């Protein structure tokens, strides 16, 4: 059990006990930050109030990109399974936000039903109206990857004013809502046709203050030669540098995230290393979820404080009787100067202030006379939370990390990428079979044996290195070959006998013919030597 006591004399006489980080965050938000937000109408300007589901939900990954960059295919690649509502094509196919989540029964939940479910973290999306809710669904399916994370598929980003208006809702605002609540934002680019549209630039700018969550994927990199790939990579870094104003260079992962053979396999080793790095990053999300929620609450508290200073400053400058409209226009026009004054007076970083243009637009529709004056007590409570409570919760985060077993995303492509010479380990073995079932691989085994004996077997086995050289000729991605390696039950020493080699090649054949690999070998694929039940 984890707990900590609040001992400061200014706090409650009865010390509060928090059993978990999630419980602590919920209580701190409701008792200390929410009163400040409500007093200065924070939710009308920035973000709806947080609910319990926002603190309890699984880590979420938001996949964003222009149309035909492979967003839906990327998600399918991670899951190694189709999900309800998915459509893949060269034209804009996904016109909805699809929350891909775990469920015992496969199916689709429409947006209007999602926003009334208290167990789902989507209730506040109701504010975007029916135009958005009609294009928002939850795809549920039983998948091991989704037991640890949820994935949000987004509509392909278009270019041009007409397409932007035709959506019927504020696309950038919806993405910003998700960005505040997700653990990772994957920006997908197509290496074959790199282009950043005006709307995509606006979307990336809308994700400001969430750069720590961003990861960039240069997808479909197997479609171009090495020299061209270097030029595309350089052009992408240059373009991102103009849009994302951060001193750090955003991490760009290069690869081809689909389960088909690589068109140009020259950079296979690069793709393998990049995929492993990206997968490790995604797999760490469950372990770091509590820390992410803590960090997001801190960012929200800092913004709420700045908002309170802005609103109270505007209230202070408003006349009590005459000239209210004229003064309001003057204050909105001089908002940049008000920002500067608050920054100097309260020693606040410029990066903590809300977007100037958006704030001006929102203030146009507000009645300044209804704004509240500065209430120091509310701000002191939030300062106390940031100075003391958050530090105590940080200790609890570390305690939870040490007490709980390592949490990682498992299954799907993550499973295949970890096995054999295509990843970081070896499989545990296949299952038992039935002796009287015909081994279907035997029909083609003589052909596979011819290749096997050209690879210099010793004591009836070939090395994993020789097997890998042969298997990569298929041009299949390493995650797929890693899964095949595991299914073939190759020994932990990395040596293959003729049965394992034949089975591995047969599984490659199955994949190249467009069929899906099984999660476990059915009886007709089990080699005879693997069918004996161990007593």
Protein backbone atom coordinates (compact mmCIF):
# COMPACT_ATOMS: atom_id res chain seq x y z
CA UNK A 1 0.00 0.00 0.00
CA UNK A 2 1.28 3.45 -0.88
CA UNK A 3 0.32 6.51 1.11
CA UNK A 4 1.54 9.93 2.09
CA UNK A 5 0.41 12.40 4.66
CA UNK A 6 -0.05 16.13 4.30
CA UNK A 7 1.67 17.76 7.27
CA UNK A 8 1.78 21.50 6.46
CA UNK A 9 -0.04 23.55 9.11
CA UNK A 10 -1.92 25.50 6.45
CA UNK A 11 -3.56 22.36 5.18
CA UNK A 12 -6.38 20.24 6.50
CA UNK A 13 -6.06 19.18 10.12
CA UNK A 14 -6.91 15.62 9.19
CA UNK A 15 -4.08 14.32 6.99
CA UNK A 16 -5.21 12.88 3.67
CA UNK A 17 -4.12 9.42 2.61
CA UNK A 18 -3.69 8.65 -1.09
CA UNK A 19 -3.56 4.97 -1.98
CA UNK A 20 -2.51 5.46 -5.61
CA UNK A 21 -1.19 8.19 -7.90
CA UNK A 22 -4.47 8.15 -9.84
CA UNK A 23 -6.50 8.72 -6.67
CA UNK A 24 -4.15 11.50 -5.57
CA UNK A 25 -4.40 13.30 -8.91
CA UNK A 26 -8.19 13.15 -8.86
CA UNK A 27 -8.43 14.54 -5.35
CA UNK A 28 -5.88 17.29 -5.95
CA UNK A 29 -7.61 18.36 -9.16
CA UNK A 30 -11.10 18.50 -7.64
CA UNK A 31 -10.11 20.17 -4.36
CA UNK A 32 -7.37 22.58 -5.47
CA UNK A 33 -7.29 23.26 -9.23
CA UNK A 34 -10.95 22.93 -10.26
CA UNK A 35 -12.17 25.82 -8.02
CA UNK A 36 -9.67 28.16 -9.74
CA UNK A 37 -10.77 26.97 -13.18
CA UNK A 38 -14.44 27.46 -12.44
CA UNK A 39 -13.98 30.88 -10.85
CA UNK A 40 -12.24 32.28 -13.95
CA UNK A 41 -14.25 30.30 -16.55
CA UNK A 42 -11.16 28.40 -17.71
CA UNK A 43 -13.31 25.73 -19.38
CA UNK A 44 -14.92 28.22 -21.77
CA UNK A 45 -11.52 29.35 -23.04
CA UNK A 46 -9.20 26.35 -22.96
CA UNK A 47 -10.27 22.85 -22.00
CA UNK A 48 -13.32 21.18 -20.40
CA UNK A 49 -13.09 20.03 -16.81
CA UNK A 50 -11.34 16.72 -16.22
CA UNK A 51 -13.31 13.68 -15.07
CA UNK A 52 -12.37 10.48 -13.24
CA UNK A 53 -12.05 8.60 -16.55
CA UNK A 54 -9.32 11.02 -17.65
CA UNK A 55 -7.18 9.84 -14.73
CA UNK A 56 -8.13 6.15 -14.89
CA UNK A 57 -8.00 5.37 -18.60
CA UNK A 58 -5.27 3.37 -20.35
CA UNK A 59 -2.49 5.19 -22.19
CA UNK A 60 -3.65 6.47 -25.59
CA UNK A 61 -1.72 6.92 -28.85
CA UNK A 62 -2.97 9.57 -31.30
CA UNK A 63 -2.04 8.90 -34.95
CA UNK A 64 -2.11 12.04 -37.13
CA UNK A 65 -1.15 12.62 -40.75
CA UNK A 66 -2.23 13.71 -44.19
CA UNK A 67 -4.40 11.37 -46.23
CA UNK A 68 -2.73 8.27 -47.68
CA UNK A 69 0.28 8.38 -45.37
CA UNK A 70 -0.64 4.97 -43.96
CA UNK A 71 -2.25 5.88 -40.61
CA UNK A 72 -4.84 3.10 -40.62
CA UNK A 73 -2.32 0.62 -42.05
CA UNK A 74 0.12 1.60 -39.30
CA UNK A 75 -2.46 0.80 -36.61
CA UNK A 76 -3.33 -2.46 -38.32
CA UNK A 77 0.38 -3.29 -38.45
CA UNK A 78 0.68 -2.80 -34.68
CA UNK A 79 -2.41 -4.92 -33.94
CA UNK A 80 -1.79 -7.53 -36.66
CA UNK A 81 -5.56 -7.58 -37.00
CA UNK A 82 -8.30 -5.71 -38.83
CA UNK A 83 -10.48 -3.51 -36.64
CA UNK A 84 -14.14 -2.54 -37.19
CA UNK A 85 -14.60 0.51 -39.38
CA UNK A 86 -11.12 0.45 -40.93
CA UNK A 87 -10.77 1.39 -44.58
CA UNK A 88 -7.48 1.54 -46.48
CA UNK A 89 -6.88 3.15 -49.86
CA UNK A 90 -4.84 5.76 -51.76
CA UNK A 91 -7.67 8.31 -51.56
CA UNK A 92 -8.96 9.89 -48.31
CA UNK A 93 -10.72 6.88 -46.77
CA UNK A 94 -10.90 7.57 -43.02
CA UNK A 95 -13.31 10.48 -42.54
CA UNK A 96 -13.92 9.74 -38.85
CA UNK A 97 -12.05 9.72 -35.59
CA UNK A 98 -11.88 6.05 -34.57
CA UNK A 99 -10.93 5.16 -30.99
CA UNK A 100 -9.55 1.62 -31.24
CA UNK A 101 -10.00 0.08 -27.79
CA UNK A 102 -10.11 -3.30 -26.09
CA UNK A 103 -13.44 -5.09 -25.78
CA UNK A 104 -14.52 -8.69 -25.32
CA UNK A 105 -16.96 -8.44 -28.24
CA UNK A 106 -15.94 -6.94 -31.57
CA UNK A 107 -18.10 -4.03 -32.69
CA UNK A 108 -18.58 -0.28 -33.13
CA UNK A 109 -19.97 2.23 -30.62
CA UNK A 110 -21.22 5.49 -32.21
CA UNK A 111 -20.03 8.87 -30.94
CA UNK A 112 -23.31 9.94 -29.35
CA UNK A 113 -23.27 6.81 -27.18
CA UNK A 114 -19.58 7.25 -26.33
CA UNK A 115 -19.99 10.72 -24.85
CA UNK A 116 -22.56 9.53 -22.30
CA UNK A 117 -20.47 6.59 -21.07
CA UNK A 118 -18.80 7.60 -17.77
CA UNK A 119 -16.26 4.78 -18.12
CA UNK A 120 -14.87 6.23 -21.35
CA UNK A 121 -12.71 9.39 -21.31
CA UNK A 122 -14.72 11.07 -24.09
CA UNK A 123 -17.66 12.74 -22.32
CA UNK A 124 -16.40 16.28 -22.84
CA UNK A 125 -16.21 15.80 -26.63
CA UNK A 126 -19.95 16.48 -26.55
CA UNK A 127 -19.06 20.18 -26.77
CA UNK A 128 -18.00 19.80 -30.43
CA UNK A 129 -21.59 19.01 -31.48
CA UNK A 130 -23.26 16.51 -33.78
CA UNK A 131 -21.11 17.41 -36.79
CA UNK A 132 -18.19 15.88 -34.92
CA UNK A 133 -20.03 13.14 -33.01
CA UNK A 134 -21.41 11.75 -36.28
CA UNK A 135 -17.80 11.24 -37.33
CA UNK A 136 -16.54 9.74 -34.10
CA UNK A 137 -16.77 6.04 -33.25
CA UNK A 138 -15.14 3.51 -30.94
CA UNK A 139 -13.97 0.25 -32.51
CA UNK A 140 -13.79 -2.45 -29.86
CA UNK A 141 -12.09 -5.80 -30.33
CA UNK A 142 -10.25 -8.41 -28.26
CA UNK A 143 -6.58 -7.80 -29.03
CA UNK A 144 -3.57 -8.20 -26.67
CA UNK A 145 -2.06 -4.86 -27.72
CA UNK A 146 -5.26 -3.06 -26.71
CA UNK A 147 -5.13 -4.56 -23.23
CA UNK A 148 -2.36 -2.05 -22.48
CA UNK A 149 -3.04 0.93 -24.77
CA UNK A 150 -5.76 2.49 -26.92
CA UNK A 151 -5.12 4.01 -30.35
CA UNK A 152 -6.94 6.97 -31.95
CA UNK A 153 -7.12 6.91 -35.76
CA UNK A 154 -7.82 10.33 -37.28
CA UNK A 155 -9.19 11.57 -40.63
CA UNK A 156 -6.62 12.24 -43.31
CA UNK A 157 -5.61 15.89 -43.29
CA UNK A 158 -6.46 17.66 -46.53
CA UNK A 159 -5.32 20.94 -48.07
CA UNK A 160 -7.27 23.97 -49.17
CA UNK A 161 -9.84 26.22 -47.52
CA UNK A 162 -12.85 24.40 -49.01
CA UNK A 163 -11.99 21.01 -47.52
CA UNK A 164 -11.26 22.62 -44.16
CA UNK A 165 -14.65 24.31 -43.94
CA UNK A 166 -16.55 21.25 -45.15
CA UNK A 167 -15.69 19.25 -42.02
CA UNK A 168 -18.39 21.09 -40.08
CA UNK A 169 -16.38 21.19 -36.84
CA UNK A 170 -13.09 22.64 -35.60
CA UNK A 171 -10.69 19.88 -36.62
CA UNK A 172 -7.62 21.47 -35.00
CA UNK A 173 -9.52 22.05 -31.74
CA UNK A 174 -10.56 18.38 -31.58
CA UNK A 175 -6.95 17.28 -32.13
CA UNK A 176 -5.82 19.68 -29.42
CA UNK A 177 -8.41 18.16 -27.05
CA UNK A 178 -6.99 14.70 -27.70
CA UNK A 179 -3.40 15.97 -27.48
CA UNK A 180 -4.00 17.13 -23.91
CA UNK A 181 -5.14 13.65 -22.88
CA UNK A 182 -3.05 11.17 -24.90
CA UNK A 183 0.35 9.79 -23.96
CA UNK A 184 1.90 9.79 -27.42
CA UNK A 185 1.25 11.70 -30.67
CA UNK A 186 2.51 9.96 -33.82
CA UNK A 187 2.87 12.32 -36.81
CA UNK A 188 2.96 10.20 -39.96
CA UNK A 189 4.59 11.35 -43.21
CA UNK A 190 4.82 9.59 -46.57
CA UNK A 191 8.44 9.39 -47.77
CA UNK A 192 7.25 8.77 -51.32
CA UNK A 193 5.33 12.06 -51.58
CA UNK A 194 6.48 14.38 -48.84
CA UNK A 195 4.34 17.48 -48.61
CA UNK A 196 3.06 19.45 -45.63
CA UNK A 197 -0.27 21.10 -46.43
CA UNK A 198 -1.47 24.32 -44.85
CA UNK A 199 -3.99 22.45 -42.70
CA UNK A 200 -1.33 20.01 -41.48
CA UNK A 201 0.88 22.96 -40.54
CA UNK A 202 -2.02 24.44 -38.56
CA UNK A 203 -2.61 21.10 -36.86
CA UNK A 204 1.04 20.80 -35.82
CA UNK A 205 0.97 24.36 -34.48
CA UNK A 206 -2.22 23.51 -32.55
CA UNK A 207 -0.26 20.78 -30.78
CA UNK A 208 2.06 23.37 -29.26
CA UNK A 209 3.08 22.61 -25.66
CA UNK A 210 2.78 18.90 -26.38
CA UNK A 211 6.08 18.50 -28.24
CA UNK A 212 7.27 16.11 -25.53
CA UNK A 213 4.59 13.65 -26.65
CA UNK A 214 5.33 13.95 -30.38
CA UNK A 215 7.10 11.29 -32.43
CA UNK A 216 7.50 11.61 -36.20
CA UNK A 217 7.37 8.58 -38.49
CA UNK A 218 8.65 8.79 -42.07
CA UNK A 219 6.59 5.93 -43.46
CA UNK A 220 6.77 4.03 -46.79
CA UNK A 221 10.54 4.54 -46.84
CA UNK A 222 11.00 1.27 -48.76
CA UNK A 223 9.54 2.93 -51.87
CA UNK A 224 12.57 5.15 -52.56
CA UNK A 225 16.30 4.64 -53.04
CA UNK A 226 18.82 5.46 -50.30
CA UNK A 227 20.06 8.72 -51.81
CA UNK A 228 16.52 10.03 -52.31
CA UNK A 229 15.59 8.90 -48.79
CA UNK A 230 18.41 11.05 -47.37
CA UNK A 231 17.09 14.07 -49.27
CA UNK A 232 13.52 13.45 -48.11
CA UNK A 233 14.69 13.09 -44.50
CA UNK A 234 16.58 16.38 -44.71
CA UNK A 235 13.59 18.15 -46.29
CA UNK A 236 11.28 16.84 -43.57
CA UNK A 237 13.61 18.02 -40.77
CA UNK A 238 13.85 21.46 -42.40
CA UNK A 239 10.05 21.74 -42.75
CA UNK A 240 9.42 20.61 -39.17
CA UNK A 241 11.99 23.10 -37.90
CA UNK A 242 9.93 25.93 -39.41
CA UNK A 243 6.67 24.69 -37.89
CA UNK A 244 7.74 23.35 -34.48
CA UNK A 245 9.66 26.07 -32.69
CA UNK A 246 11.65 24.03 -30.18
CA UNK A 247 15.40 24.01 -29.52
CA UNK A 248 15.40 20.21 -29.53
CA UNK A 249 15.29 18.20 -32.75
CA UNK A 250 12.14 16.07 -32.97
CA UNK A 251 12.89 12.36 -33.22
CA UNK A 252 12.06 10.98 -36.69
CA UNK A 253 11.67 7.22 -37.16
CA UNK A 254 12.25 5.88 -40.66
CA UNK A 255 10.60 2.69 -41.86
CA UNK A 256 7.86 0.90 -43.72
CA UNK A 257 5.11 0.03 -41.29
CA UNK A 258 3.08 -2.60 -43.06
CA UNK A 259 3.33 -6.38 -43.28
CA UNK A 260 4.00 -6.65 -47.02
CA UNK A 261 7.43 -7.33 -48.61
CA UNK A 262 9.74 -4.33 -48.79
CA UNK A 263 9.80 -2.89 -52.31
CA UNK A 264 13.43 -1.71 -51.99
CA UNK A 265 15.11 -3.73 -49.21
CA UNK A 266 18.47 -1.91 -49.30
CA UNK A 267 17.87 -0.14 -45.96
CA UNK A 268 16.46 -3.13 -44.14
CA UNK A 269 18.88 -2.88 -41.20
CA UNK A 270 18.04 0.79 -40.74
CA UNK A 271 14.30 0.05 -40.78
CA UNK A 272 14.81 -2.75 -38.26
CA UNK A 273 16.69 -0.52 -35.81
CA UNK A 274 14.22 2.35 -36.21
CA UNK A 275 11.23 0.05 -35.67
CA UNK A 276 12.78 -1.37 -32.51
CA UNK A 277 13.34 2.14 -31.15
CA UNK A 278 9.75 3.19 -31.89
CA UNK A 279 8.30 -0.01 -30.44
CA UNK A 280 10.34 0.41 -27.24
CA UNK A 281 9.00 3.94 -26.93
CA UNK A 282 5.37 2.80 -27.32
CA UNK A 283 5.88 -0.21 -25.04
CA UNK A 284 7.05 2.09 -22.24
CA UNK A 285 3.75 4.01 -22.17
CA UNK A 286 1.94 1.89 -19.53
CA UNK A 287 4.95 2.14 -17.23
CA UNK A 288 5.13 5.93 -17.59
CA UNK A 289 1.38 6.64 -17.66
CA UNK A 290 1.17 7.97 -14.09
CA UNK A 291 4.12 10.30 -14.65
CA UNK A 292 2.54 11.61 -17.86
CA UNK A 293 -0.77 12.38 -16.09
CA UNK A 294 1.13 14.15 -13.33
CA UNK A 295 3.04 16.21 -15.89
CA UNK A 296 -0.17 17.13 -17.74
CA UNK A 297 -1.81 18.28 -14.50
CA UNK A 298 1.18 20.53 -13.81
CA UNK A 299 0.94 22.08 -17.30
CA UNK A 300 -2.81 22.58 -16.83
CA UNK A 301 -2.29 24.24 -13.43
CA UNK A 302 0.28 26.66 -14.85
CA UNK A 303 -2.08 27.62 -17.70
CA UNK A 304 -4.99 28.05 -15.26
CA UNK A 305 -2.89 30.43 -13.15
CA UNK A 306 -1.95 32.54 -16.17
CA UNK A 307 -5.58 32.57 -17.30
CA UNK A 308 -6.65 33.83 -13.87
CA UNK A 309 -4.15 36.70 -14.09
CA UNK A 310 -5.37 37.61 -17.60
CA UNK A 311 -9.07 37.59 -16.69
CA UNK A 312 -8.56 39.52 -13.45
CA UNK A 313 -6.40 42.12 -15.25
CA UNK A 314 -9.12 42.67 -17.85
CA UNK A 315 -11.72 42.99 -15.10
CA UNK A 316 -9.60 45.54 -13.26
CA UNK A 317 -9.30 47.78 -16.35
CA UNK A 318 -13.02 47.83 -17.17
CA UNK A 319 -14.96 51.03 -16.28
CA UNK A 320 -17.86 50.61 -13.89
CA UNK A 321 -20.44 52.64 -15.88
CA UNK A 322 -19.68 54.26 -19.26
CA UNK A 323 -17.51 53.33 -22.26
CA UNK A 324 -17.46 49.60 -21.66
CA UNK A 325 -17.55 48.57 -25.35
CA UNK A 326 -14.82 51.01 -26.30
CA UNK A 327 -12.62 49.88 -23.42
CA UNK A 328 -13.18 46.22 -24.29
CA UNK A 329 -11.95 46.78 -27.87
CA UNK A 330 -8.94 48.66 -26.54
CA UNK A 331 -8.06 45.88 -24.09
CA UNK A 332 -8.37 43.16 -26.74
CA UNK A 333 -6.15 45.10 -29.14
CA UNK A 334 -3.58 45.63 -26.35
CA UNK A 335 -3.67 42.04 -25.11
CA UNK A 336 0.00 41.52 -26.03
CA UNK A 337 0.95 44.38 -23.70
CA UNK A 338 -1.18 42.86 -20.93
CA UNK A 339 0.65 39.56 -21.46
CA UNK A 340 3.97 41.36 -21.07
CA UNK A 341 2.85 43.16 -17.92
CA UNK A 342 1.68 39.90 -16.30
CA UNK A 343 4.90 38.17 -17.35
CA UNK A 344 7.04 40.82 -15.66
CA UNK A 345 4.88 41.25 -12.56
CA UNK A 346 4.53 37.55 -11.73
CA UNK A 347 7.78 36.20 -13.28
CA UNK A 348 5.91 33.87 -15.64
CA UNK A 349 7.57 32.21 -18.64
CA UNK A 350 6.25 33.40 -22.05
CA UNK A 351 5.68 29.74 -22.99
CA UNK A 352 3.00 29.43 -20.29
CA UNK A 353 0.69 31.98 -21.97
CA UNK A 354 -2.18 30.88 -24.23
CA UNK A 355 -2.08 31.59 -27.97
CA UNK A 356 -2.50 35.36 -28.40
CA UNK A 357 -4.62 35.30 -31.57
CA UNK A 358 -6.97 32.60 -30.27
CA UNK A 359 -7.37 34.40 -26.92
CA UNK A 360 -8.29 37.61 -28.74
CA UNK A 361 -10.90 35.77 -30.82
CA UNK A 362 -12.42 34.17 -27.73
CA UNK A 363 -12.54 37.45 -25.80
CA UNK A 364 -14.60 39.13 -28.53
CA UNK A 365 -17.72 37.22 -27.44
CA UNK A 366 -17.20 37.69 -23.69
CA UNK A 367 -18.77 40.19 -21.30
CA UNK A 368 -15.80 41.59 -19.37
CA UNK A 369 -18.02 42.99 -16.62
CA UNK A 370 -18.85 39.41 -15.56
CA UNK A 371 -15.18 38.52 -15.11
CA UNK A 372 -13.93 37.96 -11.56
CA UNK A 373 -11.26 40.07 -9.83
CA UNK A 374 -8.06 38.51 -8.55
CA UNK A 375 -8.67 36.16 -5.64
CA UNK A 376 -5.30 35.45 -4.09
CA UNK A 377 -6.50 32.56 -1.93
CA UNK A 378 -7.41 30.42 -4.96
CA UNK A 379 -4.00 31.03 -6.49
CA UNK A 380 -2.23 30.27 -3.21
CA UNK A 381 -3.98 26.89 -3.04
CA UNK A 382 -2.73 26.01 -6.54
CA UNK A 383 0.78 27.24 -5.70
CA UNK A 384 0.71 25.05 -2.60
CA UNK A 385 -0.33 22.09 -4.73
CA UNK A 386 2.55 22.66 -7.15
CA UNK A 387 5.10 23.26 -4.38
CA UNK A 388 4.19 20.45 -1.99
CA UNK A 389 1.51 18.00 -3.14
CA UNK A 390 3.00 17.33 -6.57
CA UNK A 391 6.41 16.64 -5.03
CA UNK A 392 4.84 14.09 -2.67
CA UNK A 393 2.97 12.46 -5.55
CA UNK A 394 6.24 12.19 -7.48
CA UNK A 395 7.59 10.05 -4.65
CA UNK A 396 4.48 7.88 -4.89
CA UNK A 397 5.02 7.50 -8.65
CA UNK A 398 8.49 6.06 -8.02
CA UNK A 399 7.15 3.76 -5.32
CA UNK A 400 4.50 2.37 -7.65
CA UNK A 401 7.08 1.79 -10.37
CA UNK A 402 9.27 -0.26 -8.02
CA UNK A 403 6.41 -2.20 -6.42
CA UNK A 404 4.63 -3.20 -9.61
CA UNK A 405 6.03 -5.62 -12.20
CA UNK A 406 7.32 -4.09 -15.39
CA UNK A 407 4.39 -3.09 -17.58
CA UNK A 408 4.84 -3.33 -21.32
CA UNK A 409 2.66 -3.44 -24.40
CA UNK A 410 2.54 -7.03 -25.63
CA UNK A 411 1.11 -8.89 -28.59
CA UNK A 412 0.70 -7.91 -32.24
CA UNK A 413 3.77 -6.61 -34.03
CA UNK A 414 5.44 -5.99 -30.65
CA UNK A 415 5.55 -9.75 -30.11
CA UNK A 416 7.02 -10.53 -33.53
CA UNK A 417 9.67 -7.84 -33.30
CA UNK A 418 11.19 -9.36 -30.17
CA UNK A 419 12.08 -12.81 -31.45
CA UNK A 420 15.11 -14.38 -33.07
CA UNK A 421 17.77 -12.51 -35.02
CA UNK A 422 15.03 -10.08 -36.13
CA UNK A 423 14.70 -8.62 -32.64
CA UNK A 424 15.91 -9.07 -29.08
CA UNK A 425 15.26 -12.67 -28.05
CA UNK A 426 14.01 -16.08 -28.96
CA UNK A 427 10.64 -17.79 -28.85
CA UNK A 428 9.53 -20.15 -26.14
CA UNK A 429 8.22 -22.90 -28.37
CA UNK A 430 5.10 -24.06 -30.18
CA UNK A 431 2.41 -26.30 -28.75
CA UNK A 432 1.69 -29.97 -28.95
CA UNK A 433 0.10 -31.54 -32.00
CA UNK A 434 -1.73 -34.68 -32.99
CA UNK A 435 0.27 -37.59 -34.36
CA UNK A 436 -2.22 -38.72 -36.97
CA UNK A 437 -2.64 -35.30 -38.65
CA UNK A 438 -0.77 -34.92 -41.93
CA UNK A 439 2.03 -32.37 -41.81
CA UNK A 440 1.07 -30.08 -44.69
CA UNK A 441 4.64 -28.71 -44.99
CA UNK A 442 5.87 -32.19 -45.99
CA UNK A 443 4.55 -31.65 -49.52
CA UNK A 444 7.11 -28.90 -50.22
CA UNK A 445 9.82 -30.08 -47.82
CA UNK A 446 12.06 -31.62 -50.54
CA UNK A 447 12.30 -28.17 -52.16
CA UNK A 448 13.17 -26.55 -48.82
CA UNK A 449 15.69 -29.33 -48.06
CA UNK A 450 17.63 -28.48 -51.22
CA UNK A 451 18.12 -24.94 -49.94
CA UNK A 452 18.81 -26.21 -46.41
CA UNK A 453 21.76 -28.37 -47.47
CA UNK A 454 23.36 -25.52 -49.41
CA UNK A 455 23.62 -23.58 -46.11
CA UNK A 456 26.34 -25.85 -44.64
CA UNK A 457 24.47 -27.70 -41.85
CA UNK A 458 26.54 -29.11 -38.97
CA UNK A 459 25.12 -32.10 -37.08
CA UNK A 460 21.85 -31.61 -38.96
CA UNK A 461 21.46 -27.92 -38.11
CA UNK A 462 22.25 -24.55 -39.70
CA UNK A 463 23.10 -21.34 -37.88
CA UNK A 464 20.54 -18.63 -37.27
CA UNK A 465 22.71 -16.19 -39.22
CA UNK A 466 22.55 -18.37 -42.34
CA UNK A 467 18.82 -18.86 -41.87
CA UNK A 468 18.30 -15.12 -41.52
CA UNK A 469 20.14 -14.42 -44.78
CA UNK A 470 17.81 -16.80 -46.53
CA UNK A 471 14.62 -15.55 -44.85
CA UNK A 472 15.25 -11.86 -45.62
CA UNK A 473 15.19 -12.72 -49.33
CA UNK A 474 11.41 -12.70 -48.91
CA UNK A 475 11.63 -8.90 -48.24
CA UNK A 476 9.06 -9.28 -45.46
CA UNK A 477 9.37 -6.83 -42.53
CA UNK A 478 11.41 -7.93 -39.54
CA UNK A 479 8.40 -8.00 -37.22
CA UNK A 480 6.75 -10.56 -39.51
CA UNK A 481 9.93 -12.65 -39.80
CA UNK A 482 10.36 -12.44 -36.03
CA UNK A 483 6.89 -13.90 -35.56
CA UNK A 484 7.69 -16.66 -38.07
CA UNK A 485 10.91 -17.38 -36.16
CA UNK A 486 8.92 -17.82 -32.99
CA UNK A 487 6.17 -19.92 -34.61
CA UNK A 488 8.78 -22.23 -36.11
CA UNK A 489 9.92 -22.94 -32.53
CA UNK A 490 13.57 -22.37 -33.36
CA UNK A 491 15.91 -23.45 -30.57
CA UNK A 492 17.15 -20.84 -28.14
CA UNK A 493 20.70 -21.34 -29.41
CA UNK A 494 19.52 -20.02 -32.77
CA UNK A 495 20.19 -23.28 -34.65
CA UNK A 496 17.62 -24.69 -37.11
CA UNK A 497 17.06 -28.29 -38.12
CA UNK A 498 15.50 -29.23 -41.46
CA UNK A 499 11.93 -29.34 -40.05
CA UNK A 500 12.19 -25.86 -38.49
CA UNK A 501 13.71 -24.44 -41.66
CA UNK A 502 10.97 -25.98 -43.81
CA UNK A 503 8.24 -24.70 -41.50
CA UNK A 504 9.72 -21.20 -41.49
CA UNK A 505 9.78 -21.12 -45.29
CA UNK A 506 6.24 -22.45 -45.48
CA UNK A 507 5.04 -19.67 -43.16
CA UNK A 508 6.84 -17.13 -45.36
CA UNK A 509 4.99 -18.60 -48.33
CA UNK A 510 1.66 -18.24 -46.49
CA UNK A 511 2.37 -14.56 -45.80
CA UNK A 512 3.54 -13.81 -49.34
CA UNK A 513 0.30 -15.30 -50.67
CA UNK A 514 -1.60 -12.66 -48.70
CA UNK A 515 -2.82 -14.83 -45.81
CA UNK A 516 -2.51 -13.99 -42.12
CA UNK A 517 -0.14 -15.88 -39.85
CA UNK A 518 -1.74 -17.83 -37.00
CA UNK A 519 -1.03 -16.81 -33.41
CA UNK A 520 -0.40 -20.46 -32.59
CA UNK A 521 0.40 -23.30 -34.94
CA UNK A 522 -2.57 -25.49 -35.81
CA UNK A 523 -2.04 -29.25 -35.75
CA UNK A 524 -1.50 -29.57 -39.51
CA UNK A 525 1.48 -27.17 -39.35
CA UNK A 526 3.20 -28.78 -36.36
CA UNK A 527 6.31 -30.76 -37.38
CA UNK A 528 6.22 -34.44 -36.36
CA UNK A 529 9.06 -33.93 -33.85
CA UNK A 530 6.98 -31.34 -31.98
CA UNK A 531 3.87 -33.48 -31.59
CA UNK A 532 4.91 -35.66 -28.70
CA UNK A 533 3.32 -34.56 -25.45
CA UNK A 534 5.90 -34.23 -22.72
CA UNK A 535 4.90 -36.14 -19.57
